[in-house]
């Protein structure tokens, strides 16, 4: 694969920050805010150390998609489409069903507490259900399962990191358990649907003029 072709393929990732611009427009109190807190959420401790995987989410997302694009372009486009569609569905839910999560008062001035305070300052406590961190991480987790044939180590590393990201949303008190469940359900559903659509496209061989030619490669063969 030529460098130019690969970079052009990666350029499609710009869709994520472009669609992400909508997030800030919805992340405020619209006057009808709901809470999905449960008794179990209230007893889960705040653990600031989880700010590390929470912030690492950005790098995990970029690395994973780059890995998918290099090894399996079909998986790459499927995952990217799932991420963008998942974000769009989440924004619609944010618009019609705004939720919030109460945050703890952070005491102490160590690095982890300070990083968490920064996150709290730049990210309002709305747009909670479903959790975008969880939804996107779960899509990447599912995608990484298809890359074991290339490298079990990298596949396992991606899976471990995505699990840590999901856990971080709970222990940083950014999301409730229902937010996490919603992210997993919606992310998994969309990933399965996009896979089904891709299979239909390939079975009818109508992708010649609609998608990159390499998109038709059979997973595992290049």
N, C-alpha and C. Protein backbone atom coordinates (compact mmCIF):
# COMPACT_ATOMS: atom_id res chain seq x y z
N UNK A 1 0.83 -1.18 0.00
CA UNK A 1 0.00 0.00 0.00
C UNK A 1 0.88 1.25 0.00
N UNK A 2 0.60 2.17 -0.93
CA UNK A 2 1.39 3.39 -1.00
C UNK A 2 1.06 4.34 0.15
N UNK A 3 2.04 5.18 0.47
CA UNK A 3 1.85 6.14 1.56
C UNK A 3 0.71 7.09 1.28
N UNK A 4 0.61 7.52 0.01
CA UNK A 4 -0.44 8.46 -0.36
C UNK A 4 -1.82 7.85 -0.18
N UNK A 5 -1.95 6.60 -0.59
CA UNK A 5 -3.22 5.90 -0.46
C UNK A 5 -3.59 5.74 1.01
N UNK A 6 -2.59 5.38 1.82
CA UNK A 6 -2.83 5.16 3.24
C UNK A 6 -3.25 6.46 3.93
N UNK A 7 -2.56 7.55 3.62
CA UNK A 7 -2.89 8.83 4.23
C UNK A 7 -4.28 9.30 3.80
N UNK A 8 -4.62 9.04 2.55
CA UNK A 8 -5.96 9.40 2.08
C UNK A 8 -7.02 8.62 2.84
N UNK A 9 -6.70 7.36 3.10
CA UNK A 9 -7.63 6.52 3.86
C UNK A 9 -7.79 7.06 5.28
N UNK A 10 -6.66 7.45 5.90
CA UNK A 10 -6.71 7.98 7.26
C UNK A 10 -7.45 9.31 7.34
N UNK A 11 -7.46 10.05 6.24
CA UNK A 11 -8.09 11.37 6.25
C UNK A 11 -9.59 11.30 6.57
N UNK A 12 -10.18 10.14 6.34
CA UNK A 12 -11.60 9.97 6.66
C UNK A 12 -11.84 10.09 8.16
N UNK A 13 -10.80 9.94 8.96
CA UNK A 13 -10.95 10.08 10.42
C UNK A 13 -11.31 11.51 10.82
N UNK A 14 -11.09 12.45 9.92
CA UNK A 14 -11.44 13.84 10.21
C UNK A 14 -12.94 14.00 10.43
N UNK A 15 -13.71 13.01 9.98
CA UNK A 15 -15.15 13.05 10.21
C UNK A 15 -15.47 13.07 11.70
N UNK A 16 -14.64 12.41 12.49
CA UNK A 16 -14.90 12.31 13.93
C UNK A 16 -14.86 13.69 14.61
N UNK A 17 -13.77 14.47 14.46
CA UNK A 17 -13.79 15.80 15.09
C UNK A 17 -14.81 16.74 14.47
N UNK A 18 -15.08 16.57 13.18
CA UNK A 18 -16.07 17.43 12.53
C UNK A 18 -17.46 17.20 13.12
N UNK A 19 -17.84 15.94 13.22
CA UNK A 19 -19.13 15.60 13.82
C UNK A 19 -19.12 15.96 15.31
N UNK A 20 -17.94 15.86 15.91
CA UNK A 20 -17.81 16.16 17.33
C UNK A 20 -18.08 17.62 17.68
N UNK A 21 -18.06 18.51 16.70
CA UNK A 21 -18.34 19.92 16.96
C UNK A 21 -19.75 20.11 17.50
N UNK A 22 -20.62 19.18 17.19
CA UNK A 22 -22.02 19.28 17.64
C UNK A 22 -22.11 19.10 19.15
N UNK A 23 -21.18 18.32 19.71
CA UNK A 23 -21.22 17.97 21.13
C UNK A 23 -21.34 19.20 22.04
N UNK A 24 -20.49 20.18 21.80
CA UNK A 24 -20.47 21.36 22.66
C UNK A 24 -21.78 22.14 22.61
N UNK A 25 -22.47 22.07 21.47
CA UNK A 25 -23.73 22.79 21.32
C UNK A 25 -24.85 22.17 22.13
N UNK A 26 -24.65 20.93 22.56
CA UNK A 26 -25.69 20.22 23.32
C UNK A 26 -25.35 20.05 24.79
N UNK A 27 -24.11 20.35 25.16
CA UNK A 27 -23.62 20.07 26.51
C UNK A 27 -23.92 21.22 27.47
N UNK A 28 -25.21 21.44 27.70
CA UNK A 28 -25.63 22.48 28.63
C UNK A 28 -27.00 22.11 29.19
N UNK A 29 -27.41 22.78 30.24
CA UNK A 29 -28.71 22.53 30.87
C UNK A 29 -29.81 23.13 30.00
N UNK A 30 -30.63 22.27 29.42
CA UNK A 30 -31.69 22.76 28.54
C UNK A 30 -33.00 23.00 29.28
N UNK A 31 -32.97 22.88 30.60
CA UNK A 31 -34.16 23.14 31.40
C UNK A 31 -34.98 21.92 31.71
N UNK A 32 -34.63 20.79 31.11
CA UNK A 32 -35.37 19.55 31.36
C UNK A 32 -34.36 18.41 31.48
N UNK A 33 -33.63 18.44 32.58
CA UNK A 33 -32.52 17.50 32.77
C UNK A 33 -32.94 16.35 33.69
N UNK A 34 -32.55 15.15 33.31
CA UNK A 34 -32.89 13.95 34.07
C UNK A 34 -31.64 13.35 34.72
N UNK A 35 -31.87 12.54 35.74
CA UNK A 35 -30.77 11.84 36.41
C UNK A 35 -31.02 10.34 36.35
N UNK A 36 -29.98 9.59 36.00
CA UNK A 36 -30.07 8.13 35.93
C UNK A 36 -29.25 7.48 37.04
N UNK A 37 -28.97 8.23 38.08
CA UNK A 37 -28.22 7.71 39.21
C UNK A 37 -29.00 6.61 39.92
N UNK A 38 -28.28 5.57 40.31
CA UNK A 38 -28.88 4.48 41.07
C UNK A 38 -28.17 4.37 42.42
N UNK A 39 -28.71 3.53 43.28
CA UNK A 39 -28.09 3.33 44.59
C UNK A 39 -26.68 2.78 44.44
N UNK A 40 -26.49 1.93 43.43
CA UNK A 40 -25.17 1.35 43.20
C UNK A 40 -24.17 2.40 42.76
N UNK A 41 -24.62 3.34 41.94
CA UNK A 41 -23.74 4.43 41.50
C UNK A 41 -23.23 5.23 42.69
N UNK A 42 -24.09 5.40 43.67
CA UNK A 42 -23.73 6.23 44.83
C UNK A 42 -22.66 5.61 45.71
N UNK A 43 -22.56 4.28 45.67
CA UNK A 43 -21.55 3.64 46.53
C UNK A 43 -20.24 3.36 45.79
N UNK A 44 -20.24 3.59 44.48
CA UNK A 44 -18.99 3.42 43.72
C UNK A 44 -18.05 4.56 44.07
N UNK A 45 -16.83 4.27 44.46
CA UNK A 45 -15.90 5.33 44.89
C UNK A 45 -15.36 6.15 43.72
N UNK A 46 -14.97 7.36 44.04
CA UNK A 46 -14.27 8.21 43.07
C UNK A 46 -12.79 7.86 43.13
N UNK A 47 -12.22 7.46 42.00
CA UNK A 47 -10.81 7.07 41.95
C UNK A 47 -10.12 7.92 40.88
N UNK A 48 -9.42 8.96 41.28
CA UNK A 48 -8.82 9.90 40.32
C UNK A 48 -7.76 9.30 39.40
N UNK A 49 -7.16 8.18 39.80
CA UNK A 49 -6.13 7.56 38.97
C UNK A 49 -6.68 7.14 37.60
N UNK A 50 -7.98 6.94 37.54
CA UNK A 50 -8.59 6.52 36.27
C UNK A 50 -8.65 7.65 35.25
N UNK A 51 -8.18 8.83 35.65
CA UNK A 51 -8.11 9.92 34.69
C UNK A 51 -7.12 9.60 33.58
N UNK A 52 -6.15 8.73 33.87
CA UNK A 52 -5.13 8.37 32.88
C UNK A 52 -5.76 7.64 31.68
N UNK A 53 -6.48 6.53 31.89
CA UNK A 53 -7.11 5.90 30.73
C UNK A 53 -8.22 6.76 30.13
N UNK A 54 -8.86 7.59 30.96
CA UNK A 54 -9.92 8.45 30.43
C UNK A 54 -9.37 9.40 29.38
N UNK A 55 -8.24 10.02 29.70
CA UNK A 55 -7.59 10.94 28.75
C UNK A 55 -6.94 10.17 27.61
N UNK A 56 -6.44 8.97 27.90
CA UNK A 56 -5.78 8.15 26.87
C UNK A 56 -6.75 7.70 25.79
N UNK A 57 -8.04 7.85 26.04
CA UNK A 57 -9.07 7.46 25.07
C UNK A 57 -8.81 8.06 23.69
N UNK A 58 -8.36 9.30 23.64
CA UNK A 58 -8.11 9.95 22.36
C UNK A 58 -7.01 9.22 21.59
N UNK A 59 -5.95 8.88 22.28
CA UNK A 59 -4.85 8.16 21.64
C UNK A 59 -5.24 6.75 21.25
N UNK A 60 -6.01 6.09 22.10
CA UNK A 60 -6.46 4.72 21.81
C UNK A 60 -7.31 4.71 20.54
N UNK A 61 -8.19 5.69 20.43
CA UNK A 61 -9.06 5.78 19.26
C UNK A 61 -8.24 5.97 17.98
N UNK A 62 -7.30 6.91 18.02
CA UNK A 62 -6.49 7.20 16.83
C UNK A 62 -5.60 6.01 16.47
N UNK A 63 -4.93 5.43 17.46
CA UNK A 63 -4.04 4.30 17.20
C UNK A 63 -4.82 3.12 16.64
N UNK A 64 -5.97 2.82 17.24
CA UNK A 64 -6.75 1.65 16.81
C UNK A 64 -7.24 1.80 15.38
N UNK A 65 -7.78 2.96 15.05
CA UNK A 65 -8.26 3.17 13.69
C UNK A 65 -7.12 3.13 12.69
N UNK A 66 -5.97 3.66 13.07
CA UNK A 66 -4.80 3.61 12.19
C UNK A 66 -4.37 2.16 11.97
N UNK A 67 -4.40 1.38 13.02
CA UNK A 67 -4.06 -0.04 12.94
C UNK A 67 -5.05 -0.79 12.04
N UNK A 68 -6.34 -0.50 12.21
CA UNK A 68 -7.36 -1.12 11.38
C UNK A 68 -7.14 -0.76 9.91
N UNK A 69 -6.87 0.53 9.66
CA UNK A 69 -6.69 1.01 8.29
C UNK A 69 -5.50 0.35 7.62
N UNK A 70 -4.46 0.07 8.40
CA UNK A 70 -3.25 -0.53 7.85
C UNK A 70 -3.44 -2.02 7.57
N UNK A 71 -4.18 -2.69 8.42
CA UNK A 71 -4.30 -4.14 8.32
C UNK A 71 -5.57 -4.63 7.62
N UNK A 72 -6.65 -3.89 7.74
CA UNK A 72 -7.92 -4.38 7.21
C UNK A 72 -8.82 -3.19 6.92
N UNK A 73 -8.78 -2.72 5.67
CA UNK A 73 -9.52 -1.51 5.34
C UNK A 73 -11.03 -1.68 5.48
N UNK A 74 -11.54 -2.88 5.23
CA UNK A 74 -12.97 -3.12 5.40
C UNK A 74 -13.37 -2.88 6.85
N UNK A 75 -12.57 -3.40 7.78
CA UNK A 75 -12.83 -3.20 9.20
C UNK A 75 -12.69 -1.73 9.56
N UNK A 76 -11.73 -1.06 8.95
CA UNK A 76 -11.51 0.35 9.23
C UNK A 76 -12.74 1.18 8.87
N UNK A 77 -13.24 1.00 7.64
CA UNK A 77 -14.40 1.78 7.22
C UNK A 77 -15.65 1.40 8.00
N UNK A 78 -15.76 0.13 8.33
CA UNK A 78 -16.91 -0.31 9.14
C UNK A 78 -16.86 0.33 10.52
N UNK A 79 -15.68 0.33 11.14
CA UNK A 79 -15.53 0.91 12.47
C UNK A 79 -15.75 2.42 12.45
N UNK A 80 -15.18 3.07 11.44
CA UNK A 80 -15.32 4.52 11.33
C UNK A 80 -16.78 4.90 11.12
N UNK A 81 -17.47 4.17 10.25
CA UNK A 81 -18.89 4.44 10.02
C UNK A 81 -19.69 4.23 11.30
N UNK A 82 -19.33 3.19 12.05
CA UNK A 82 -20.03 2.90 13.31
C UNK A 82 -19.81 4.03 14.32
N UNK A 83 -18.60 4.54 14.39
CA UNK A 83 -18.28 5.62 15.32
C UNK A 83 -19.07 6.89 14.99
N UNK A 84 -19.06 7.27 13.72
CA UNK A 84 -19.76 8.49 13.31
C UNK A 84 -21.27 8.34 13.50
N UNK A 85 -21.81 7.19 13.11
CA UNK A 85 -23.24 6.96 13.28
C UNK A 85 -23.60 6.91 14.77
N UNK A 86 -22.73 6.29 15.57
CA UNK A 86 -22.97 6.23 17.01
C UNK A 86 -22.98 7.61 17.64
N UNK A 87 -22.09 8.47 17.19
CA UNK A 87 -22.07 9.84 17.69
C UNK A 87 -23.35 10.57 17.31
N UNK A 88 -23.79 10.38 16.07
CA UNK A 88 -25.01 11.04 15.60
C UNK A 88 -26.23 10.60 16.41
N UNK A 89 -26.33 9.30 16.66
CA UNK A 89 -27.45 8.78 17.45
C UNK A 89 -27.39 9.34 18.87
N UNK A 90 -26.19 9.40 19.43
CA UNK A 90 -26.02 9.93 20.79
C UNK A 90 -26.43 11.40 20.86
N UNK A 91 -26.07 12.17 19.86
CA UNK A 91 -26.43 13.59 19.86
C UNK A 91 -27.94 13.76 19.82
N UNK A 92 -28.60 12.90 19.07
CA UNK A 92 -30.06 12.97 19.01
C UNK A 92 -30.66 12.69 20.38
N UNK A 93 -30.10 11.70 21.07
CA UNK A 93 -30.58 11.38 22.41
C UNK A 93 -30.30 12.53 23.37
N UNK A 94 -29.11 13.11 23.27
CA UNK A 94 -28.77 14.26 24.13
C UNK A 94 -29.80 15.39 23.94
N UNK A 95 -30.23 15.57 22.71
CA UNK A 95 -31.15 16.66 22.38
C UNK A 95 -32.54 16.43 22.96
N UNK A 96 -33.02 15.19 22.90
CA UNK A 96 -34.39 14.91 23.35
C UNK A 96 -34.46 14.41 24.79
N UNK A 97 -33.34 13.91 25.32
CA UNK A 97 -33.35 13.35 26.68
C UNK A 97 -32.04 13.72 27.38
N UNK A 98 -31.98 14.95 27.85
CA UNK A 98 -30.76 15.44 28.49
C UNK A 98 -30.62 14.87 29.90
N UNK A 99 -29.43 14.34 30.20
CA UNK A 99 -29.17 13.79 31.53
C UNK A 99 -27.93 14.45 32.13
N UNK A 100 -27.79 14.31 33.43
CA UNK A 100 -26.64 14.88 34.12
C UNK A 100 -26.15 13.91 35.18
N UNK A 101 -24.91 14.10 35.60
CA UNK A 101 -24.31 13.26 36.64
C UNK A 101 -23.70 14.17 37.71
N UNK A 102 -24.10 13.99 38.97
CA UNK A 102 -23.50 14.81 40.04
C UNK A 102 -22.04 14.46 40.24
N UNK A 103 -21.22 15.47 40.42
CA UNK A 103 -19.79 15.25 40.56
C UNK A 103 -19.33 15.50 42.00
N UNK A 104 -18.32 14.77 42.41
CA UNK A 104 -17.82 14.96 43.78
C UNK A 104 -16.97 16.22 43.89
N UNK A 105 -16.83 16.70 45.11
CA UNK A 105 -15.91 17.81 45.37
C UNK A 105 -14.51 17.20 45.49
N UNK A 106 -13.61 17.64 44.64
CA UNK A 106 -12.27 17.06 44.61
C UNK A 106 -11.35 17.81 45.55
N UNK A 107 -10.79 17.08 46.48
CA UNK A 107 -9.84 17.66 47.42
C UNK A 107 -8.44 17.13 47.13
N UNK A 108 -7.46 17.90 47.45
CA UNK A 108 -6.10 17.48 47.17
C UNK A 108 -5.59 18.10 45.89
N UNK A 109 -4.28 18.16 45.75
CA UNK A 109 -3.69 18.84 44.60
C UNK A 109 -2.68 17.97 43.86
N UNK A 110 -2.85 16.66 43.95
CA UNK A 110 -1.93 15.80 43.20
C UNK A 110 -2.27 15.86 41.71
N UNK A 111 -1.42 15.29 40.91
CA UNK A 111 -1.56 15.38 39.45
C UNK A 111 -2.89 14.83 38.97
N UNK A 112 -3.32 13.70 39.51
CA UNK A 112 -4.54 13.05 39.05
C UNK A 112 -5.78 13.88 39.40
N UNK A 113 -5.78 14.46 40.58
CA UNK A 113 -6.89 15.33 40.96
C UNK A 113 -6.94 16.57 40.08
N UNK A 114 -5.78 17.13 39.79
CA UNK A 114 -5.72 18.33 38.96
C UNK A 114 -6.22 18.05 37.54
N UNK A 115 -5.82 16.90 37.00
CA UNK A 115 -6.28 16.54 35.66
C UNK A 115 -7.79 16.35 35.63
N UNK A 116 -8.32 15.73 36.68
CA UNK A 116 -9.76 15.53 36.75
C UNK A 116 -10.49 16.86 36.85
N UNK A 117 -9.94 17.79 37.61
CA UNK A 117 -10.54 19.12 37.72
C UNK A 117 -10.58 19.82 36.36
N UNK A 118 -9.54 19.63 35.58
CA UNK A 118 -9.50 20.23 34.24
C UNK A 118 -10.60 19.64 33.37
N UNK A 119 -10.77 18.33 33.44
CA UNK A 119 -11.82 17.67 32.67
C UNK A 119 -13.19 18.20 33.09
N UNK A 120 -13.41 18.29 34.39
CA UNK A 120 -14.68 18.81 34.90
C UNK A 120 -14.91 20.24 34.42
N UNK A 121 -13.84 21.02 34.32
CA UNK A 121 -13.96 22.43 33.94
C UNK A 121 -14.32 22.61 32.47
N UNK A 122 -13.79 21.74 31.62
CA UNK A 122 -14.01 21.92 30.18
C UNK A 122 -15.16 21.07 29.65
N UNK A 123 -15.66 20.13 30.46
CA UNK A 123 -16.74 19.25 30.02
C UNK A 123 -17.90 19.35 31.00
N UNK A 124 -18.95 20.04 30.62
CA UNK A 124 -20.11 20.19 31.50
C UNK A 124 -20.71 18.83 31.84
N UNK A 125 -21.38 18.70 32.98
CA UNK A 125 -21.90 17.40 33.42
C UNK A 125 -23.20 16.98 32.75
N UNK A 126 -23.30 17.22 31.45
CA UNK A 126 -24.49 16.82 30.71
C UNK A 126 -24.05 15.86 29.59
N UNK A 127 -24.91 15.64 28.62
CA UNK A 127 -24.58 14.70 27.54
C UNK A 127 -24.07 13.38 28.12
N UNK A 128 -24.80 12.88 29.11
CA UNK A 128 -24.31 11.70 29.84
C UNK A 128 -24.79 10.37 29.28
N UNK A 129 -26.05 10.32 28.83
CA UNK A 129 -26.59 9.06 28.32
C UNK A 129 -26.85 9.15 26.82
N UNK A 130 -26.22 8.24 26.06
CA UNK A 130 -25.24 7.23 26.45
C UNK A 130 -23.85 7.85 26.57
N UNK A 131 -22.95 7.13 27.21
CA UNK A 131 -21.57 7.61 27.33
C UNK A 131 -20.86 7.46 25.99
N UNK A 132 -20.38 8.57 25.45
CA UNK A 132 -19.65 8.50 24.18
C UNK A 132 -18.31 7.80 24.35
N UNK A 133 -17.67 7.99 25.49
CA UNK A 133 -16.42 7.28 25.75
C UNK A 133 -16.65 5.77 25.68
N UNK A 134 -17.75 5.33 26.28
CA UNK A 134 -18.05 3.90 26.30
C UNK A 134 -18.48 3.41 24.92
N UNK A 135 -19.37 4.14 24.28
CA UNK A 135 -19.87 3.73 22.96
C UNK A 135 -18.72 3.56 21.97
N UNK A 136 -17.87 4.56 21.89
CA UNK A 136 -16.76 4.49 20.93
C UNK A 136 -15.73 3.44 21.32
N UNK A 137 -15.48 3.31 22.62
CA UNK A 137 -14.51 2.31 23.08
C UNK A 137 -15.00 0.90 22.80
N UNK A 138 -16.30 0.69 22.97
CA UNK A 138 -16.84 -0.65 22.74
C UNK A 138 -16.79 -1.02 21.26
N UNK A 139 -17.03 -0.04 20.39
CA UNK A 139 -16.91 -0.28 18.95
C UNK A 139 -15.48 -0.68 18.61
N UNK A 140 -14.51 0.04 19.17
CA UNK A 140 -13.11 -0.29 18.93
C UNK A 140 -12.78 -1.67 19.51
N UNK A 141 -13.34 -1.97 20.67
CA UNK A 141 -13.13 -3.29 21.29
C UNK A 141 -13.61 -4.40 20.36
N UNK A 142 -14.81 -4.23 19.82
CA UNK A 142 -15.35 -5.23 18.90
C UNK A 142 -14.50 -5.34 17.64
N UNK A 143 -14.06 -4.20 17.13
CA UNK A 143 -13.22 -4.22 15.94
C UNK A 143 -11.90 -4.91 16.18
N UNK A 144 -11.33 -4.71 17.36
CA UNK A 144 -10.03 -5.30 17.66
C UNK A 144 -10.09 -6.82 17.70
N UNK A 145 -11.26 -7.37 17.94
CA UNK A 145 -11.40 -8.83 17.96
C UNK A 145 -11.13 -9.44 16.58
N UNK A 146 -11.31 -8.62 15.55
CA UNK A 146 -11.08 -9.10 14.19
C UNK A 146 -9.63 -8.92 13.75
N UNK A 147 -8.81 -8.36 14.61
CA UNK A 147 -7.40 -8.14 14.24
C UNK A 147 -6.46 -9.13 14.91
N UNK A 148 -7.01 -10.11 15.60
CA UNK A 148 -6.16 -11.10 16.28
C UNK A 148 -5.29 -11.87 15.30
N UNK A 149 -5.78 -12.02 14.06
CA UNK A 149 -5.02 -12.78 13.07
C UNK A 149 -3.75 -12.04 12.66
N UNK A 150 -3.68 -10.74 12.92
CA UNK A 150 -2.50 -9.96 12.57
C UNK A 150 -1.53 -9.86 13.75
N UNK A 151 -2.07 -9.62 14.93
CA UNK A 151 -1.23 -9.51 16.12
C UNK A 151 -2.10 -9.67 17.36
N UNK A 152 -1.92 -10.78 18.04
CA UNK A 152 -2.68 -11.00 19.27
C UNK A 152 -2.29 -9.98 20.34
N UNK A 153 -1.03 -9.60 20.34
CA UNK A 153 -0.55 -8.65 21.35
C UNK A 153 -1.24 -7.30 21.20
N UNK A 154 -1.24 -6.76 19.98
CA UNK A 154 -1.86 -5.45 19.76
C UNK A 154 -3.36 -5.53 19.97
N UNK A 155 -3.97 -6.60 19.50
CA UNK A 155 -5.41 -6.78 19.70
C UNK A 155 -5.75 -6.80 21.18
N UNK A 156 -4.98 -7.56 21.96
CA UNK A 156 -5.23 -7.65 23.39
C UNK A 156 -4.96 -6.32 24.09
N UNK A 157 -3.92 -5.61 23.66
CA UNK A 157 -3.60 -4.31 24.26
C UNK A 157 -4.74 -3.32 24.03
N UNK A 158 -5.29 -3.31 22.83
CA UNK A 158 -6.42 -2.42 22.53
C UNK A 158 -7.62 -2.78 23.39
N UNK A 159 -7.88 -4.06 23.54
CA UNK A 159 -9.02 -4.49 24.34
C UNK A 159 -8.86 -4.09 25.80
N UNK A 160 -7.67 -4.26 26.34
CA UNK A 160 -7.41 -3.89 27.73
C UNK A 160 -7.60 -2.38 27.93
N UNK A 161 -7.08 -1.60 26.99
CA UNK A 161 -7.20 -0.15 27.10
C UNK A 161 -8.65 0.30 27.00
N UNK A 162 -9.41 -0.30 26.09
CA UNK A 162 -10.81 0.11 25.95
C UNK A 162 -11.62 -0.25 27.20
N UNK A 163 -11.29 -1.38 27.82
CA UNK A 163 -11.97 -1.76 29.06
C UNK A 163 -11.64 -0.75 30.17
N UNK A 164 -10.37 -0.34 30.24
CA UNK A 164 -9.97 0.65 31.24
C UNK A 164 -10.66 1.99 31.00
N UNK A 165 -10.82 2.36 29.74
CA UNK A 165 -11.52 3.61 29.42
C UNK A 165 -12.96 3.53 29.90
N UNK A 166 -13.61 2.41 29.63
CA UNK A 166 -15.00 2.23 30.06
C UNK A 166 -15.11 2.32 31.59
N UNK A 167 -14.20 1.67 32.29
CA UNK A 167 -14.21 1.72 33.75
C UNK A 167 -13.94 3.14 34.26
N UNK A 168 -13.11 3.86 33.54
CA UNK A 168 -12.75 5.22 33.98
C UNK A 168 -13.96 6.14 34.01
N UNK A 169 -14.91 5.93 33.12
CA UNK A 169 -16.10 6.81 33.10
C UNK A 169 -16.91 6.68 34.38
N UNK A 170 -16.85 5.51 34.99
CA UNK A 170 -17.59 5.27 36.24
C UNK A 170 -16.82 5.81 37.44
N UNK A 171 -15.53 5.47 37.51
CA UNK A 171 -14.74 5.85 38.68
C UNK A 171 -14.37 7.33 38.72
N UNK A 172 -14.48 8.02 37.58
CA UNK A 172 -14.27 9.47 37.59
C UNK A 172 -15.58 10.22 37.81
N UNK A 173 -16.67 9.45 37.94
CA UNK A 173 -17.99 10.02 38.14
C UNK A 173 -18.43 10.90 36.97
N UNK A 174 -18.00 10.50 35.79
CA UNK A 174 -18.43 11.17 34.57
C UNK A 174 -19.74 10.58 34.06
N UNK A 175 -19.99 9.33 34.42
CA UNK A 175 -21.18 8.64 33.94
C UNK A 175 -21.74 7.68 34.98
N UNK A 176 -22.99 7.32 34.79
CA UNK A 176 -23.64 6.33 35.64
C UNK A 176 -23.55 4.97 34.98
N UNK A 177 -23.94 3.94 35.71
CA UNK A 177 -23.93 2.59 35.16
C UNK A 177 -24.88 2.46 33.97
N UNK A 178 -26.01 3.17 34.03
CA UNK A 178 -26.95 3.13 32.91
C UNK A 178 -26.38 3.82 31.68
N UNK A 179 -25.59 4.86 31.89
CA UNK A 179 -24.90 5.52 30.77
C UNK A 179 -23.96 4.53 30.07
N UNK A 180 -23.27 3.75 30.90
CA UNK A 180 -22.33 2.75 30.37
C UNK A 180 -23.08 1.66 29.61
N UNK A 181 -24.16 1.17 30.21
CA UNK A 181 -24.96 0.13 29.57
C UNK A 181 -25.52 0.63 28.24
N UNK A 182 -25.98 1.88 28.22
CA UNK A 182 -26.51 2.46 26.99
C UNK A 182 -25.45 2.57 25.91
N UNK A 183 -24.25 2.98 26.31
CA UNK A 183 -23.15 3.10 25.35
C UNK A 183 -22.78 1.76 24.75
N UNK A 184 -22.74 0.72 25.59
CA UNK A 184 -22.40 -0.62 25.10
C UNK A 184 -23.49 -1.15 24.17
N UNK A 185 -24.74 -0.95 24.56
CA UNK A 185 -25.86 -1.45 23.74
C UNK A 185 -25.91 -0.76 22.39
N UNK A 186 -25.87 0.56 22.40
CA UNK A 186 -25.96 1.30 21.14
C UNK A 186 -24.73 1.06 20.27
N UNK A 187 -23.55 1.07 20.88
CA UNK A 187 -22.32 0.82 20.12
C UNK A 187 -22.31 -0.56 19.50
N UNK A 188 -22.69 -1.57 20.28
CA UNK A 188 -22.71 -2.94 19.76
C UNK A 188 -23.74 -3.12 18.67
N UNK A 189 -24.91 -2.52 18.85
CA UNK A 189 -25.97 -2.63 17.84
C UNK A 189 -25.55 -1.99 16.53
N UNK A 190 -24.99 -0.80 16.61
CA UNK A 190 -24.57 -0.09 15.39
C UNK A 190 -23.44 -0.84 14.69
N UNK A 191 -22.49 -1.36 15.45
CA UNK A 191 -21.38 -2.10 14.84
C UNK A 191 -21.90 -3.34 14.11
N UNK A 192 -22.87 -4.02 14.69
CA UNK A 192 -23.44 -5.20 14.03
C UNK A 192 -24.23 -4.82 12.79
N UNK A 193 -24.97 -3.71 12.88
CA UNK A 193 -25.77 -3.26 11.73
C UNK A 193 -24.86 -2.85 10.58
N UNK A 194 -23.80 -2.11 10.87
CA UNK A 194 -22.90 -1.69 9.79
C UNK A 194 -22.22 -2.90 9.15
N UNK A 195 -21.92 -3.92 9.96
CA UNK A 195 -21.34 -5.14 9.41
C UNK A 195 -22.32 -5.83 8.48
N UNK A 196 -23.58 -5.84 8.87
CA UNK A 196 -24.63 -6.46 8.05
C UNK A 196 -24.78 -5.71 6.73
N UNK A 197 -24.76 -4.36 6.81
CA UNK A 197 -24.89 -3.55 5.60
C UNK A 197 -23.70 -3.76 4.67
N UNK A 198 -22.51 -3.82 5.25
CA UNK A 198 -21.31 -4.06 4.45
C UNK A 198 -21.39 -5.40 3.74
N UNK A 199 -21.86 -6.42 4.44
CA UNK A 199 -21.99 -7.74 3.83
C UNK A 199 -22.97 -7.73 2.67
N UNK A 200 -24.05 -6.96 2.82
CA UNK A 200 -25.04 -6.85 1.73
C UNK A 200 -24.41 -6.17 0.53
N UNK A 201 -23.67 -5.09 0.80
CA UNK A 201 -23.01 -4.36 -0.29
C UNK A 201 -22.06 -5.27 -1.04
N UNK A 202 -21.28 -6.02 -0.29
CA UNK A 202 -20.30 -6.91 -0.91
C UNK A 202 -20.97 -8.06 -1.65
N UNK A 203 -22.06 -8.58 -1.10
CA UNK A 203 -22.73 -9.72 -1.73
C UNK A 203 -23.36 -9.34 -3.06
N UNK A 204 -23.81 -8.09 -3.17
CA UNK A 204 -24.41 -7.64 -4.43
C UNK A 204 -23.39 -6.93 -5.32
N UNK A 205 -22.15 -6.78 -4.78
CA UNK A 205 -21.06 -6.21 -5.56
C UNK A 205 -21.42 -4.85 -6.15
N UNK A 206 -22.02 -4.00 -5.33
CA UNK A 206 -22.40 -2.67 -5.81
C UNK A 206 -21.47 -1.60 -5.25
N UNK A 207 -20.37 -2.02 -4.67
CA UNK A 207 -19.49 -1.06 -4.01
C UNK A 207 -18.45 -0.45 -4.94
N UNK A 208 -18.42 -0.86 -6.19
CA UNK A 208 -17.36 -0.42 -7.10
C UNK A 208 -17.30 1.09 -7.21
N UNK A 209 -18.46 1.72 -7.36
CA UNK A 209 -18.47 3.16 -7.55
C UNK A 209 -18.79 3.93 -6.27
N UNK A 210 -19.12 3.21 -5.21
CA UNK A 210 -19.51 3.87 -3.98
C UNK A 210 -18.42 3.92 -2.93
N UNK A 211 -17.55 2.92 -2.92
CA UNK A 211 -16.54 2.80 -1.88
C UNK A 211 -15.17 2.56 -2.49
N UNK A 212 -14.13 2.81 -1.74
CA UNK A 212 -12.79 2.51 -2.24
C UNK A 212 -12.69 1.05 -2.65
N UNK A 213 -11.96 0.79 -3.75
CA UNK A 213 -11.86 -0.58 -4.24
C UNK A 213 -11.33 -1.54 -3.18
N UNK A 214 -10.38 -1.06 -2.40
CA UNK A 214 -9.78 -1.93 -1.39
C UNK A 214 -10.78 -2.33 -0.32
N UNK A 215 -11.92 -1.62 -0.25
CA UNK A 215 -12.93 -1.92 0.76
C UNK A 215 -13.47 -3.32 0.58
N UNK A 216 -13.33 -3.86 -0.63
CA UNK A 216 -13.90 -5.17 -0.92
C UNK A 216 -12.97 -6.31 -0.57
N UNK A 217 -11.82 -6.00 0.02
CA UNK A 217 -10.90 -7.06 0.41
C UNK A 217 -11.53 -7.95 1.46
N UNK A 218 -11.30 -9.22 1.33
CA UNK A 218 -11.78 -10.16 2.33
C UNK A 218 -10.93 -10.02 3.58
N UNK A 219 -11.57 -9.92 4.78
CA UNK A 219 -10.80 -9.78 6.02
C UNK A 219 -9.75 -10.87 6.14
N UNK A 220 -8.53 -10.45 6.44
CA UNK A 220 -7.46 -11.43 6.64
C UNK A 220 -6.62 -11.64 5.40
N UNK A 221 -7.07 -11.08 4.25
CA UNK A 221 -6.31 -11.25 3.02
C UNK A 221 -6.10 -9.89 2.39
N UNK A 222 -4.88 -9.68 1.92
CA UNK A 222 -4.57 -8.39 1.30
C UNK A 222 -3.83 -8.60 -0.01
